[in-house]
């Protein structure tokens, strides 16, 4: 699984017009992150922003939702009987509070589908914009967590298809990276399609688990569960990718991957390596690339954060058996011969 990063600070509202979420949430006193966040941190931040804004939509909708709306919706699910009925109650409740028929449930021949048609939704920005796509893709995750909470189990294994109105996937699609099932883009609506037998699954919502905070906790548990289950080789590759992008501080790498520093260390140790080794490998790769491009060793040393050229030369010789000055001619000679 690729690192799931999202950018809650800057939402592209219209071509050439970028609006900070902070402005919508009216939360200038909350420290805004300087760049993309791990998906789990995004939802933690969204929860804080909604409370600060006094609006569960963080003012991303022209029709605000009072704090406690999600509590009310989840509370109605306790005696729903089965997941199908729970879906219908969620759809009805949100249609009422949003003032429109945006949500519906379809009982198809082979599946149970929750549909969101947002084409007339009162966004604070155009419905056909990256901001709207990102907002609704986050809503799909939240909705899936709410249904899983109602069922008393993670419904990810029952999910067949996720559909978004986003025209196509991009290199930066952290919300879509959450899903392990088929994701289809370019739809006319947003939807979650479950196996048909999901409809008859009994609701098992504990009385102590019926609030918005519990839905956010379910989202976080799902994200962290996926992180823990990720393939070891894939995890090493993800760490290496972040380091290759120029982030070589251990705490910052852990933040980008959505794990704690302790978890980062443990998982790398289990894989037979360590952060120091991966960092050295990443620095060496970048150093060799820059030297191959005929950049001066002192420039490379400064770019990579070494205190001086001598410390860089010592490290490079330890990694490669030769100094940067001796390595560069060999590369040039090899390129010319090739």
C-alpha atoms as a PDB file:
ATOM      1  CA  UNK A   1       0.000   0.000   0.000  1.00  0.00           C
ATOM      2  CA  UNK A   2       1.455   3.357  -0.990  1.00  0.00           C
ATOM      3  CA  UNK A   3       1.709   6.009   1.669  1.00  0.00           C
ATOM      4  CA  UNK A   4      -1.690   7.660   1.984  1.00  0.00           C
ATOM      5  CA  UNK A   5      -1.129  11.400   2.229  1.00  0.00           C
ATOM      6  CA  UNK A   6      -3.760  14.110   1.998  1.00  0.00           C
ATOM      7  CA  UNK A   7      -3.505  17.898   2.075  1.00  0.00           C
ATOM      8  CA  UNK A   8      -6.178  19.427   4.352  1.00  0.00           C
ATOM      9  CA  UNK A   9      -4.642  22.873   4.301  1.00  0.00           C
ATOM     10  CA  UNK A  10      -4.974  23.837   0.665  1.00  0.00           C
ATOM     11  CA  UNK A  11      -8.039  22.878  -1.362  1.00  0.00           C
ATOM     12  CA  UNK A  12      -8.163  23.722  -5.034  1.00  0.00           C
ATOM     13  CA  UNK A  13     -11.504  25.460  -5.362  1.00  0.00           C
ATOM     14  CA  UNK A  14     -11.288  26.644  -8.952  1.00  0.00           C
ATOM     15  CA  UNK A  15      -8.554  26.643 -11.533  1.00  0.00           C
ATOM     16  CA  UNK A  16      -5.973  29.075 -10.244  1.00  0.00           C
ATOM     17  CA  UNK A  17      -7.843  29.697  -6.987  1.00  0.00           C
ATOM     18  CA  UNK A  18      -6.553  27.895  -3.907  1.00  0.00           C
ATOM     19  CA  UNK A  19      -8.354  28.349  -0.601  1.00  0.00           C
ATOM     20  CA  UNK A  20      -7.041  27.208   2.794  1.00  0.00           C
ATOM     21  CA  UNK A  21      -9.369  24.981   4.769  1.00  0.00           C
ATOM     22  CA  UNK A  22      -8.391  27.131   7.762  1.00  0.00           C
ATOM     23  CA  UNK A  23     -10.294  30.059   6.286  1.00  0.00           C
ATOM     24  CA  UNK A  24     -13.435  27.954   5.937  1.00  0.00           C
ATOM     25  CA  UNK A  25     -13.083  26.571   9.453  1.00  0.00           C
ATOM     26  CA  UNK A  26     -12.357  29.978  10.984  1.00  0.00           C
ATOM     27  CA  UNK A  27      -9.535  28.441  12.990  1.00  0.00           C
ATOM     28  CA  UNK A  28      -6.524  30.720  12.545  1.00  0.00           C
ATOM     29  CA  UNK A  29      -5.378  29.972  16.076  1.00  0.00           C
ATOM     30  CA  UNK A  30      -4.927  26.258  15.288  1.00  0.00           C
ATOM     31  CA  UNK A  31      -1.464  25.557  13.917  1.00  0.00           C
ATOM     32  CA  UNK A  32      -1.813  24.658  10.250  1.00  0.00           C
ATOM     33  CA  UNK A  33       0.449  21.849   9.013  1.00  0.00           C
ATOM     34  CA  UNK A  34       3.025  22.859   6.421  1.00  0.00           C
ATOM     35  CA  UNK A  35       2.247  20.091   3.950  1.00  0.00           C
ATOM     36  CA  UNK A  36       0.444  16.810   3.306  1.00  0.00           C
ATOM     37  CA  UNK A  37      -0.539  14.689   6.290  1.00  0.00           C
ATOM     38  CA  UNK A  38      -0.944  10.954   6.807  1.00  0.00           C
ATOM     39  CA  UNK A  39      -4.591  10.014   6.347  1.00  0.00           C
ATOM     40  CA  UNK A  40      -5.062   9.226  10.034  1.00  0.00           C
ATOM     41  CA  UNK A  41      -3.793  12.684  10.997  1.00  0.00           C
ATOM     42  CA  UNK A  42      -6.180  14.299   8.522  1.00  0.00           C
ATOM     43  CA  UNK A  43      -9.218  12.811  10.259  1.00  0.00           C
ATOM     44  CA  UNK A  44      -7.882  13.752  13.686  1.00  0.00           C
ATOM     45  CA  UNK A  45      -7.415  17.303  12.443  1.00  0.00           C
ATOM     46  CA  UNK A  46     -10.857  17.390  10.812  1.00  0.00           C
ATOM     47  CA  UNK A  47     -12.438  16.397  14.115  1.00  0.00           C
ATOM     48  CA  UNK A  48     -10.704  19.284  15.905  1.00  0.00           C
ATOM     49  CA  UNK A  49     -11.530  21.764  13.155  1.00  0.00           C
ATOM     50  CA  UNK A  50     -15.224  20.864  13.169  1.00  0.00           C
ATOM     51  CA  UNK A  51     -15.414  21.576  16.894  1.00  0.00           C
ATOM     52  CA  UNK A  52     -13.518  24.845  16.466  1.00  0.00           C
ATOM     53  CA  UNK A  53     -15.808  25.924  13.610  1.00  0.00           C
ATOM     54  CA  UNK A  54     -18.984  24.835  15.411  1.00  0.00           C
ATOM     55  CA  UNK A  55     -19.915  23.119  12.146  1.00  0.00           C
ATOM     56  CA  UNK A  56     -19.387  19.463  11.351  1.00  0.00           C
ATOM     57  CA  UNK A  57     -18.759  20.379   7.696  1.00  0.00           C
ATOM     58  CA  UNK A  58     -16.059  22.902   8.695  1.00  0.00           C
ATOM     59  CA  UNK A  59     -18.001  25.442   6.597  1.00  0.00           C
ATOM     60  CA  UNK A  60     -17.225  23.488   3.418  1.00  0.00           C
ATOM     61  CA  UNK A  61     -21.002  23.468   2.932  1.00  0.00           C
ATOM     62  CA  UNK A  62     -23.178  26.558   2.733  1.00  0.00           C
ATOM     63  CA  UNK A  63     -25.624  24.658   4.962  1.00  0.00           C
ATOM     64  CA  UNK A  64     -23.729  24.023   8.230  1.00  0.00           C
ATOM     65  CA  UNK A  65     -24.261  20.996  10.449  1.00  0.00           C
ATOM     66  CA  UNK A  66     -24.514  21.740  14.151  1.00  0.00           C
ATOM     67  CA  UNK A  67     -22.122  19.918  16.455  1.00  0.00           C
ATOM     68  CA  UNK A  68     -23.953  16.797  17.600  1.00  0.00           C
ATOM     69  CA  UNK A  69     -25.550  16.018  14.235  1.00  0.00           C
ATOM     70  CA  UNK A  70     -23.482  12.863  13.734  1.00  0.00           C
ATOM     71  CA  UNK A  71     -24.178  11.842  17.331  1.00  0.00           C
ATOM     72  CA  UNK A  72     -27.898  12.061  16.511  1.00  0.00           C
ATOM     73  CA  UNK A  73     -27.512  10.039  13.288  1.00  0.00           C
ATOM     74  CA  UNK A  74     -25.523   7.253  14.966  1.00  0.00           C
ATOM     75  CA  UNK A  75     -27.942   7.087  17.892  1.00  0.00           C
ATOM     76  CA  UNK A  76     -30.790   6.265  15.487  1.00  0.00           C
ATOM     77  CA  UNK A  77     -28.957   3.112  14.377  1.00  0.00           C
ATOM     78  CA  UNK A  78     -29.027   1.291  17.718  1.00  0.00           C
ATOM     79  CA  UNK A  79     -32.414  -0.353  17.060  1.00  0.00           C
ATOM     80  CA  UNK A  80     -32.160  -0.500  13.257  1.00  0.00           C
ATOM     81  CA  UNK A  81     -32.229  -4.300  13.188  1.00  0.00           C
ATOM     82  CA  UNK A  82     -29.961  -4.877  10.187  1.00  0.00           C
ATOM     83  CA  UNK A  83     -27.408  -3.029   8.080  1.00  0.00           C
ATOM     84  CA  UNK A  84     -29.899  -2.340   5.290  1.00  0.00           C
ATOM     85  CA  UNK A  85     -32.172  -0.487   7.694  1.00  0.00           C
ATOM     86  CA  UNK A  86     -29.164   1.304   9.199  1.00  0.00           C
ATOM     87  CA  UNK A  87     -28.181   2.539   5.736  1.00  0.00           C
ATOM     88  CA  UNK A  88     -31.671   3.845   5.061  1.00  0.00           C
ATOM     89  CA  UNK A  89     -31.748   5.679   8.398  1.00  0.00           C
ATOM     90  CA  UNK A  90     -28.389   7.307   7.705  1.00  0.00           C
ATOM     91  CA  UNK A  91     -29.555   8.417   4.255  1.00  0.00           C
ATOM     92  CA  UNK A  92     -32.845   9.834   5.585  1.00  0.00           C
ATOM     93  CA  UNK A  93     -31.156  11.634   8.461  1.00  0.00           C
ATOM     94  CA  UNK A  94     -28.533  13.341   6.321  1.00  0.00           C
ATOM     95  CA  UNK A  95     -31.086  14.284   3.680  1.00  0.00           C
ATOM     96  CA  UNK A  96     -33.122  16.008   6.375  1.00  0.00           C
ATOM     97  CA  UNK A  97     -30.225  17.899   7.927  1.00  0.00           C
ATOM     98  CA  UNK A  98     -28.760  18.892   4.542  1.00  0.00           C
ATOM     99  CA  UNK A  99     -32.147  19.889   3.141  1.00  0.00           C
ATOM    100  CA  UNK A 100     -32.149  17.766  -0.022  1.00  0.00           C
ATOM    101  CA  UNK A 101     -32.345  14.255  -1.489  1.00  0.00           C
ATOM    102  CA  UNK A 102     -28.621  13.706  -1.830  1.00  0.00           C
ATOM    103  CA  UNK A 103     -28.449  10.239  -0.226  1.00  0.00           C
ATOM    104  CA  UNK A 104     -30.249   7.046  -1.180  1.00  0.00           C
ATOM    105  CA  UNK A 105     -29.917   3.289  -0.693  1.00  0.00           C
ATOM    106  CA  UNK A 106     -30.370   0.811  -3.532  1.00  0.00           C
ATOM    107  CA  UNK A 107     -31.101  -2.876  -2.953  1.00  0.00           C
ATOM    108  CA  UNK A 108     -29.827  -4.385  -6.203  1.00  0.00           C
ATOM    109  CA  UNK A 109     -29.888  -7.970  -7.391  1.00  0.00           C
ATOM    110  CA  UNK A 110     -26.378  -8.780  -6.220  1.00  0.00           C
ATOM    111  CA  UNK A 111     -25.440  -5.867  -3.996  1.00  0.00           C
ATOM    112  CA  UNK A 112     -26.470  -3.275  -1.436  1.00  0.00           C
ATOM    113  CA  UNK A 113     -25.456   0.222  -2.476  1.00  0.00           C
ATOM    114  CA  UNK A 114     -25.252   3.546  -0.643  1.00  0.00           C
ATOM    115  CA  UNK A 115     -25.403   6.374  -3.202  1.00  0.00           C
ATOM    116  CA  UNK A 116     -24.541  10.059  -2.779  1.00  0.00           C
ATOM    117  CA  UNK A 117     -25.569  12.390  -5.590  1.00  0.00           C
ATOM    118  CA  UNK A 118     -23.958  15.742  -4.782  1.00  0.00           C
ATOM    119  CA  UNK A 119     -24.555  17.583  -8.058  1.00  0.00           C
ATOM    120  CA  UNK A 120     -26.916  20.064  -6.379  1.00  0.00           C
ATOM    121  CA  UNK A 121     -25.231  20.038  -2.975  1.00  0.00           C
ATOM    122  CA  UNK A 122     -24.602  23.515  -1.499  1.00  0.00           C
ATOM    123  CA  UNK A 123     -20.805  23.389  -1.366  1.00  0.00           C
ATOM    124  CA  UNK A 124     -18.763  26.470  -0.584  1.00  0.00           C
ATOM    125  CA  UNK A 125     -17.055  25.736  -3.924  1.00  0.00           C
ATOM    126  CA  UNK A 126     -18.050  24.151  -7.270  1.00  0.00           C
ATOM    127  CA  UNK A 127     -19.263  20.537  -7.183  1.00  0.00           C
ATOM    128  CA  UNK A 128     -16.999  19.701 -10.126  1.00  0.00           C
ATOM    129  CA  UNK A 129     -13.745  20.656  -8.436  1.00  0.00           C
ATOM    130  CA  UNK A 130     -10.848  18.816  -6.748  1.00  0.00           C
ATOM    131  CA  UNK A 131     -12.053  20.253  -3.433  1.00  0.00           C
ATOM    132  CA  UNK A 132     -15.457  18.591  -3.850  1.00  0.00           C
ATOM    133  CA  UNK A 133     -13.917  15.302  -4.970  1.00  0.00           C
ATOM    134  CA  UNK A 134     -11.596  15.222  -1.952  1.00  0.00           C
ATOM    135  CA  UNK A 135     -14.389  16.212   0.448  1.00  0.00           C
ATOM    136  CA  UNK A 136     -16.702  13.445  -0.756  1.00  0.00           C
ATOM    137  CA  UNK A 137     -13.964  10.816  -0.855  1.00  0.00           C
ATOM    138  CA  UNK A 138     -13.357  11.587   2.818  1.00  0.00           C
ATOM    139  CA  UNK A 139     -17.116  11.322   3.451  1.00  0.00           C
ATOM    140  CA  UNK A 140     -17.146   7.835   1.885  1.00  0.00           C
ATOM    141  CA  UNK A 141     -14.466   6.702   4.339  1.00  0.00           C
ATOM    142  CA  UNK A 142     -16.398   8.214   7.246  1.00  0.00           C
ATOM    143  CA  UNK A 143     -19.644   6.584   6.058  1.00  0.00           C
ATOM    144  CA  UNK A 144     -17.971   3.184   5.697  1.00  0.00           C
ATOM    145  CA  UNK A 145     -16.658   3.510   9.253  1.00  0.00           C
ATOM    146  CA  UNK A 146     -20.132   4.453  10.513  1.00  0.00           C
ATOM    147  CA  UNK A 147     -21.688   1.379   8.880  1.00  0.00           C
ATOM    148  CA  UNK A 148     -18.906  -0.829  10.257  1.00  0.00           C
ATOM    149  CA  UNK A 149     -19.511   0.637  13.709  1.00  0.00           C
ATOM    150  CA  UNK A 150     -23.214  -0.189  13.398  1.00  0.00           C
ATOM    151  CA  UNK A 151     -22.451  -3.750  12.288  1.00  0.00           C
ATOM    152  CA  UNK A 152     -19.971  -4.252  15.112  1.00  0.00           C
ATOM    153  CA  UNK A 153     -17.287  -5.340  12.635  1.00  0.00           C
ATOM    154  CA  UNK A 154     -15.104  -3.981   9.847  1.00  0.00           C
ATOM    155  CA  UNK A 155     -17.152  -4.270   6.648  1.00  0.00           C
ATOM    156  CA  UNK A 156     -14.177  -3.840   4.314  1.00  0.00           C
ATOM    157  CA  UNK A 157     -14.277  -7.509   3.306  1.00  0.00           C
ATOM    158  CA  UNK A 158     -17.916  -7.063   2.234  1.00  0.00           C
ATOM    159  CA  UNK A 159     -17.185  -4.009   0.083  1.00  0.00           C
ATOM    160  CA  UNK A 160     -17.207  -4.700  -3.671  1.00  0.00           C
ATOM    161  CA  UNK A 161     -16.767  -1.292  -5.293  1.00  0.00           C
ATOM    162  CA  UNK A 162     -16.132   2.343  -4.410  1.00  0.00           C
ATOM    163  CA  UNK A 163     -17.048   4.980  -6.965  1.00  0.00           C
ATOM    164  CA  UNK A 164     -16.040   8.651  -7.093  1.00  0.00           C
ATOM    165  CA  UNK A 165     -16.934  11.502  -9.414  1.00  0.00           C
ATOM    166  CA  UNK A 166     -13.247  12.405  -9.713  1.00  0.00           C
ATOM    167  CA  UNK A 167     -12.474  12.110 -13.451  1.00  0.00           C
ATOM    168  CA  UNK A 168      -9.346  10.031 -12.950  1.00  0.00           C
ATOM    169  CA  UNK A 169      -6.883   8.939 -10.310  1.00  0.00           C
ATOM    170  CA  UNK A 170      -3.793  11.054  -9.821  1.00  0.00           C
ATOM    171  CA  UNK A 171      -0.408  10.516  -8.240  1.00  0.00           C
ATOM    172  CA  UNK A 172      -1.706  12.317  -5.161  1.00  0.00           C
ATOM    173  CA  UNK A 173      -4.961  10.594  -4.178  1.00  0.00           C
ATOM    174  CA  UNK A 174      -4.519   9.741  -0.514  1.00  0.00           C
ATOM    175  CA  UNK A 175      -8.253   9.246   0.152  1.00  0.00           C
ATOM    176  CA  UNK A 176      -8.554   6.666  -2.607  1.00  0.00           C
ATOM    177  CA  UNK A 177      -5.452   4.893  -1.315  1.00  0.00           C
ATOM    178  CA  UNK A 178      -7.490   3.945   1.763  1.00  0.00           C
ATOM    179  CA  UNK A 179      -9.476   1.332  -0.149  1.00  0.00           C
ATOM    180  CA  UNK A 180      -8.375  -2.250  -0.804  1.00  0.00           C
ATOM    181  CA  UNK A 181     -11.302  -2.961  -3.132  1.00  0.00           C
ATOM    182  CA  UNK A 182     -11.996  -1.753  -6.680  1.00  0.00           C
ATOM    183  CA  UNK A 183     -12.144   2.029  -7.029  1.00  0.00           C
ATOM    184  CA  UNK A 184     -13.863   3.441 -10.109  1.00  0.00           C
ATOM    185  CA  UNK A 185     -13.479   7.065 -11.174  1.00  0.00           C
ATOM    186  CA  UNK A 186     -15.505   9.213 -13.526  1.00  0.00           C
ATOM    187  CA  UNK A 187     -18.882   8.293 -12.056  1.00  0.00           C
ATOM    188  CA  UNK A 188     -22.036  10.391 -12.049  1.00  0.00           C
ATOM    189  CA  UNK A 189     -22.435   9.763  -8.289  1.00  0.00           C
ATOM    190  CA  UNK A 190     -20.399   8.602  -5.289  1.00  0.00           C
ATOM    191  CA  UNK A 191     -21.189   5.144  -3.949  1.00  0.00           C
ATOM    192  CA  UNK A 192     -20.237   2.267  -1.694  1.00  0.00           C
ATOM    193  CA  UNK A 193     -21.312  -1.117  -3.071  1.00  0.00           C
ATOM    194  CA  UNK A 194     -21.448  -4.035  -0.622  1.00  0.00           C
ATOM    195  CA  UNK A 195     -22.168  -7.742  -1.058  1.00  0.00           C
ATOM    196  CA  UNK A 196     -25.914  -8.357  -0.953  1.00  0.00           C
ATOM    197  CA  UNK A 197     -25.738 -10.479   2.206  1.00  0.00           C
ATOM    198  CA  UNK A 198     -24.477  -7.379   4.051  1.00  0.00           C
ATOM    199  CA  UNK A 199     -28.094  -6.132   4.048  1.00  0.00           C
ATOM    200  CA  UNK A 200     -29.214  -8.793   6.517  1.00  0.00           C
ATOM    201  CA  UNK A 201     -26.276  -8.497   8.885  1.00  0.00           C
ATOM    202  CA  UNK A 202     -27.601  -7.585  12.343  1.00  0.00           C
ATOM    203  CA  UNK A 203     -26.790  -4.225  13.864  1.00  0.00           C
ATOM    204  CA  UNK A 204     -24.556  -4.703  16.878  1.00  0.00           C
ATOM    205  CA  UNK A 205     -23.980  -1.155  18.027  1.00  0.00           C
ATOM    206  CA  UNK A 206     -22.949  -1.019  21.657  1.00  0.00           C
ATOM    207  CA  UNK A 207     -24.769   1.642  23.696  1.00  0.00           C
ATOM    208  CA  UNK A 208     -21.406   3.142  24.625  1.00  0.00           C
ATOM    209  CA  UNK A 209     -20.347   3.401  20.953  1.00  0.00           C
ATOM    210  CA  UNK A 210     -22.910   5.722  19.438  1.00  0.00           C
ATOM    211  CA  UNK A 211     -21.267   9.104  18.937  1.00  0.00           C
ATOM    212  CA  UNK A 212     -19.277  10.976  16.288  1.00  0.00           C
ATOM    213  CA  UNK A 213     -16.086  10.435  18.273  1.00  0.00           C
ATOM    214  CA  UNK A 214     -16.651   6.678  17.938  1.00  0.00           C
ATOM    215  CA  UNK A 215     -16.938   6.966  14.165  1.00  0.00           C
ATOM    216  CA  UNK A 216     -13.663   8.886  14.041  1.00  0.00           C
ATOM    217  CA  UNK A 217     -12.115   6.198  16.258  1.00  0.00           C
ATOM    218  CA  UNK A 218     -13.365   3.523  13.840  1.00  0.00           C
ATOM    219  CA  UNK A 219     -11.800   5.399  10.904  1.00  0.00           C
ATOM    220  CA  UNK A 220      -8.505   5.624  12.763  1.00  0.00           C
ATOM    221  CA  UNK A 221      -8.599   1.922  13.705  1.00  0.00           C
ATOM    222  CA  UNK A 222      -9.147   0.924  10.077  1.00  0.00           C
ATOM    223  CA  UNK A 223      -6.265   3.062   8.845  1.00  0.00           C
ATOM    224  CA  UNK A 224      -3.889   1.798  11.521  1.00  0.00           C
ATOM    225  CA  UNK A 225      -4.996  -1.800  10.927  1.00  0.00           C
ATOM    226  CA  UNK A 226      -4.039  -1.452   7.290  1.00  0.00           C
ATOM    227  CA  UNK A 227      -0.691   0.024   8.276  1.00  0.00           C
ATOM    228  CA  UNK A 228       0.014  -2.907  10.565  1.00  0.00           C
ATOM    229  CA  UNK A 229      -1.011  -5.449   7.920  1.00  0.00           C
ATOM    230  CA  UNK A 230       1.067  -3.903   5.139  1.00  0.00           C
ATOM    231  CA  UNK A 231       3.654  -6.202   3.564  1.00  0.00           C
ATOM    232  CA  UNK A 232       7.126  -5.842   5.123  1.00  0.00           C
ATOM    233  CA  UNK A 233       8.832  -5.350   1.763  1.00  0.00           C
ATOM    234  CA  UNK A 234       6.247  -2.756   0.834  1.00  0.00           C
ATOM    235  CA  UNK A 235       6.825  -0.929   4.120  1.00  0.00           C
ATOM    236  CA  UNK A 236      10.596  -0.776   3.552  1.00  0.00           C
ATOM    237  CA  UNK A 237       9.939   0.543   0.057  1.00  0.00           C
ATOM    238  CA  UNK A 238       7.616   3.221   1.417  1.00  0.00           C
ATOM    239  CA  UNK A 239      10.234   4.348   3.946  1.00  0.00           C
ATOM    240  CA  UNK A 240      12.830   4.426   1.174  1.00  0.00           C
ATOM    241  CA  UNK A 241      10.493   6.444  -1.063  1.00  0.00           C
ATOM    242  CA  UNK A 242       9.963   9.093   1.615  1.00  0.00           C
ATOM    243  CA  UNK A 243      13.710   9.310   2.247  1.00  0.00           C
ATOM    244  CA  UNK A 244      14.348   9.551  -1.503  1.00  0.00           C
ATOM    245  CA  UNK A 245      11.966  12.503  -1.594  1.00  0.00           C
ATOM    246  CA  UNK A 246      14.392  14.380   0.659  1.00  0.00           C
ATOM    247  CA  UNK A 247      12.822  13.680   4.071  1.00  0.00           C
ATOM    248  CA  UNK A 248      15.439  11.955   6.204  1.00  0.00           C
ATOM    249  CA  UNK A 249      14.363  12.917   9.734  1.00  0.00           C
ATOM    250  CA  UNK A 250      13.067   9.775  11.463  1.00  0.00           C
ATOM    251  CA  UNK A 251      10.156  11.497  13.222  1.00  0.00           C
ATOM    252  CA  UNK A 252       9.077  13.226  10.012  1.00  0.00           C
ATOM    253  CA  UNK A 253       9.241   9.960   8.047  1.00  0.00           C
ATOM    254  CA  UNK A 254       7.093   8.232  10.680  1.00  0.00           C
ATOM    255  CA  UNK A 255       4.574  11.087  10.498  1.00  0.00           C
ATOM    256  CA  UNK A 256       4.393  10.835   6.706  1.00  0.00           C
ATOM    257  CA  UNK A 257       3.682   7.099   6.957  1.00  0.00           C
ATOM    258  CA  UNK A 258       1.046   7.523   9.660  1.00  0.00           C
ATOM    259  CA  UNK A 259       2.901   5.489  12.288  1.00  0.00           C
ATOM    260  CA  UNK A 260       4.711   6.285  15.514  1.00  0.00           C
ATOM    261  CA  UNK A 261       8.511   6.408  15.673  1.00  0.00           C
ATOM    262  CA  UNK A 262       8.426   3.302  17.885  1.00  0.00           C
ATOM    263  CA  UNK A 263       6.337   1.431  15.295  1.00  0.00           C
ATOM    264  CA  UNK A 264       8.655   2.566  12.502  1.00  0.00           C
ATOM    265  CA  UNK A 265      11.677   1.244  14.373  1.00  0.00           C
ATOM    266  CA  UNK A 266       9.985  -2.031  15.310  1.00  0.00           C
ATOM    267  CA  UNK A 267       8.800  -2.812  11.790  1.00  0.00           C
ATOM    268  CA  UNK A 268      12.188  -2.071  10.279  1.00  0.00           C
ATOM    269  CA  UNK A 269      13.908  -4.221  12.900  1.00  0.00           C
ATOM    270  CA  UNK A 270      11.503  -7.071  12.124  1.00  0.00           C
ATOM    271  CA  UNK A 271      12.478  -6.696   8.473  1.00  0.00           C
ATOM    272  CA  UNK A 272      16.154  -7.025   9.326  1.00  0.00           C
ATOM    273  CA  UNK A 273      17.136  -3.429   8.724  1.00  0.00           C
ATOM    274  CA  UNK A 274      17.010  -0.070  10.476  1.00  0.00           C
ATOM    275  CA  UNK A 275      16.289   3.547   9.766  1.00  0.00           C
ATOM    276  CA  UNK A 276      19.971   4.489   9.869  1.00  0.00           C
ATOM    277  CA  UNK A 277      20.793   1.974   7.139  1.00  0.00           C
ATOM    278  CA  UNK A 278      17.918   3.109   4.928  1.00  0.00           C
ATOM    279  CA  UNK A 279      18.809   6.748   5.494  1.00  0.00           C
ATOM    280  CA  UNK A 280      22.439   6.074   4.548  1.00  0.00           C
ATOM    281  CA  UNK A 281      21.336   4.215   1.441  1.00  0.00           C
ATOM    282  CA  UNK A 282      19.008   7.061   0.486  1.00  0.00           C
ATOM    283  CA  UNK A 283      21.712   9.688   1.020  1.00  0.00           C
ATOM    284  CA  UNK A 284      24.198   7.645  -0.987  1.00  0.00           C
ATOM    285  CA  UNK A 285      21.772   7.228  -3.879  1.00  0.00           C
ATOM    286  CA  UNK A 286      21.078  10.957  -3.961  1.00  0.00           C
ATOM    287  CA  UNK A 287      24.796  11.768  -3.677  1.00  0.00           C
ATOM    288  CA  UNK A 288      25.671   9.478  -6.590  1.00  0.00           C
ATOM    289  CA  UNK A 289      22.904  10.983  -8.713  1.00  0.00           C
ATOM    290  CA  UNK A 290      24.117  14.520  -8.072  1.00  0.00           C
ATOM    291  CA  UNK A 291      27.761  13.610  -8.672  1.00  0.00           C
ATOM    292  CA  UNK A 292      26.799  11.849 -11.896  1.00  0.00           C
ATOM    293  CA  UNK A 293      25.180  15.131 -12.941  1.00  0.00           C
ATOM    294  CA  UNK A 294      28.635  16.765 -12.408  1.00  0.00           C
ATOM    295  CA  UNK A 295      27.690  18.725  -9.294  1.00  0.00           C
ATOM    296  CA  UNK A 296      30.672  19.662  -7.125  1.00  0.00           C
ATOM    297  CA  UNK A 297      31.178  17.518  -3.977  1.00  0.00           C
ATOM    298  CA  UNK A 298      30.946  20.566  -1.719  1.00  0.00           C
ATOM    299  CA  UNK A 299      27.581  21.451  -3.309  1.00  0.00           C
ATOM    300  CA  UNK A 300      26.381  17.884  -2.803  1.00  0.00           C
ATOM    301  CA  UNK A 301      27.542  17.925   0.817  1.00  0.00           C
ATOM    302  CA  UNK A 302      25.613  21.124   1.513  1.00  0.00           C
ATOM    303  CA  UNK A 303      22.492  19.914  -0.278  1.00  0.00           C
ATOM    304  CA  UNK A 304      22.463  16.663   1.706  1.00  0.00           C
ATOM    305  CA  UNK A 305      22.919  18.451   5.029  1.00  0.00           C
ATOM    306  CA  UNK A 306      26.487  17.443   5.892  1.00  0.00           C
ATOM    307  CA  UNK A 307      28.353  19.822   8.175  1.00  0.00           C
ATOM    308  CA  UNK A 308      31.238  20.158   5.703  1.00  0.00           C
ATOM    309  CA  UNK A 309      32.823  18.554   2.653  1.00  0.00           C
ATOM    310  CA  UNK A 310      35.194  16.411   4.709  1.00  0.00           C
ATOM    311  CA  UNK A 311      32.427  14.694   6.660  1.00  0.00           C
ATOM    312  CA  UNK A 312      30.604  14.036   3.392  1.00  0.00           C
ATOM    313  CA  UNK A 313      33.765  12.612   1.820  1.00  0.00           C
ATOM    314  CA  UNK A 314      34.299  10.269   4.786  1.00  0.00           C
ATOM    315  CA  UNK A 315      30.711   9.024   4.624  1.00  0.00           C
ATOM    316  CA  UNK A 316      30.805   8.598   0.851  1.00  0.00           C
ATOM    317  CA  UNK A 317      34.053   6.606   1.016  1.00  0.00           C
ATOM    318  CA  UNK A 318      32.556   4.364   3.710  1.00  0.00           C
ATOM    319  CA  UNK A 319      29.573   3.702   1.437  1.00  0.00           C
ATOM    320  CA  UNK A 320      31.417   3.277  -1.861  1.00  0.00           C
ATOM    321  CA  UNK A 321      35.095   2.585  -1.105  1.00  0.00           C
ATOM    322  CA  UNK A 322      36.228   5.718  -2.940  1.00  0.00           C
ATOM    323  CA  UNK A 323      35.997   9.452  -2.334  1.00  0.00           C
ATOM    324  CA  UNK A 324      33.532  11.600  -4.281  1.00  0.00           C
ATOM    325  CA  UNK A 325      36.426  13.099  -6.272  1.00  0.00           C
ATOM    326  CA  UNK A 326      37.614   9.666  -7.392  1.00  0.00           C
ATOM    327  CA  UNK A 327      34.097   8.376  -8.071  1.00  0.00           C
ATOM    328  CA  UNK A 328      33.044  11.168 -10.479  1.00  0.00           C
ATOM    329  CA  UNK A 329      35.662  10.490 -13.236  1.00  0.00           C
ATOM    330  CA  UNK A 330      34.729   6.802 -13.189  1.00  0.00           C
ATOM    331  CA  UNK A 331      31.090   7.686 -13.784  1.00  0.00           C
ATOM    332  CA  UNK A 332      31.942  10.111 -16.604  1.00  0.00           C
ATOM    333  CA  UNK A 333      34.216   7.521 -18.234  1.00  0.00           C
ATOM    334  CA  UNK A 334      31.476   4.883 -17.984  1.00  0.00           C
ATOM    335  CA  UNK A 335      28.883   7.192 -19.520  1.00  0.00           C
ATOM    336  CA  UNK A 336      31.204   8.059 -22.410  1.00  0.00           C
ATOM    337  CA  UNK A 337      32.025   4.423 -23.126  1.00  0.00           C
ATOM    338  CA  UNK A 338      28.354   3.437 -22.983  1.00  0.00           C
END
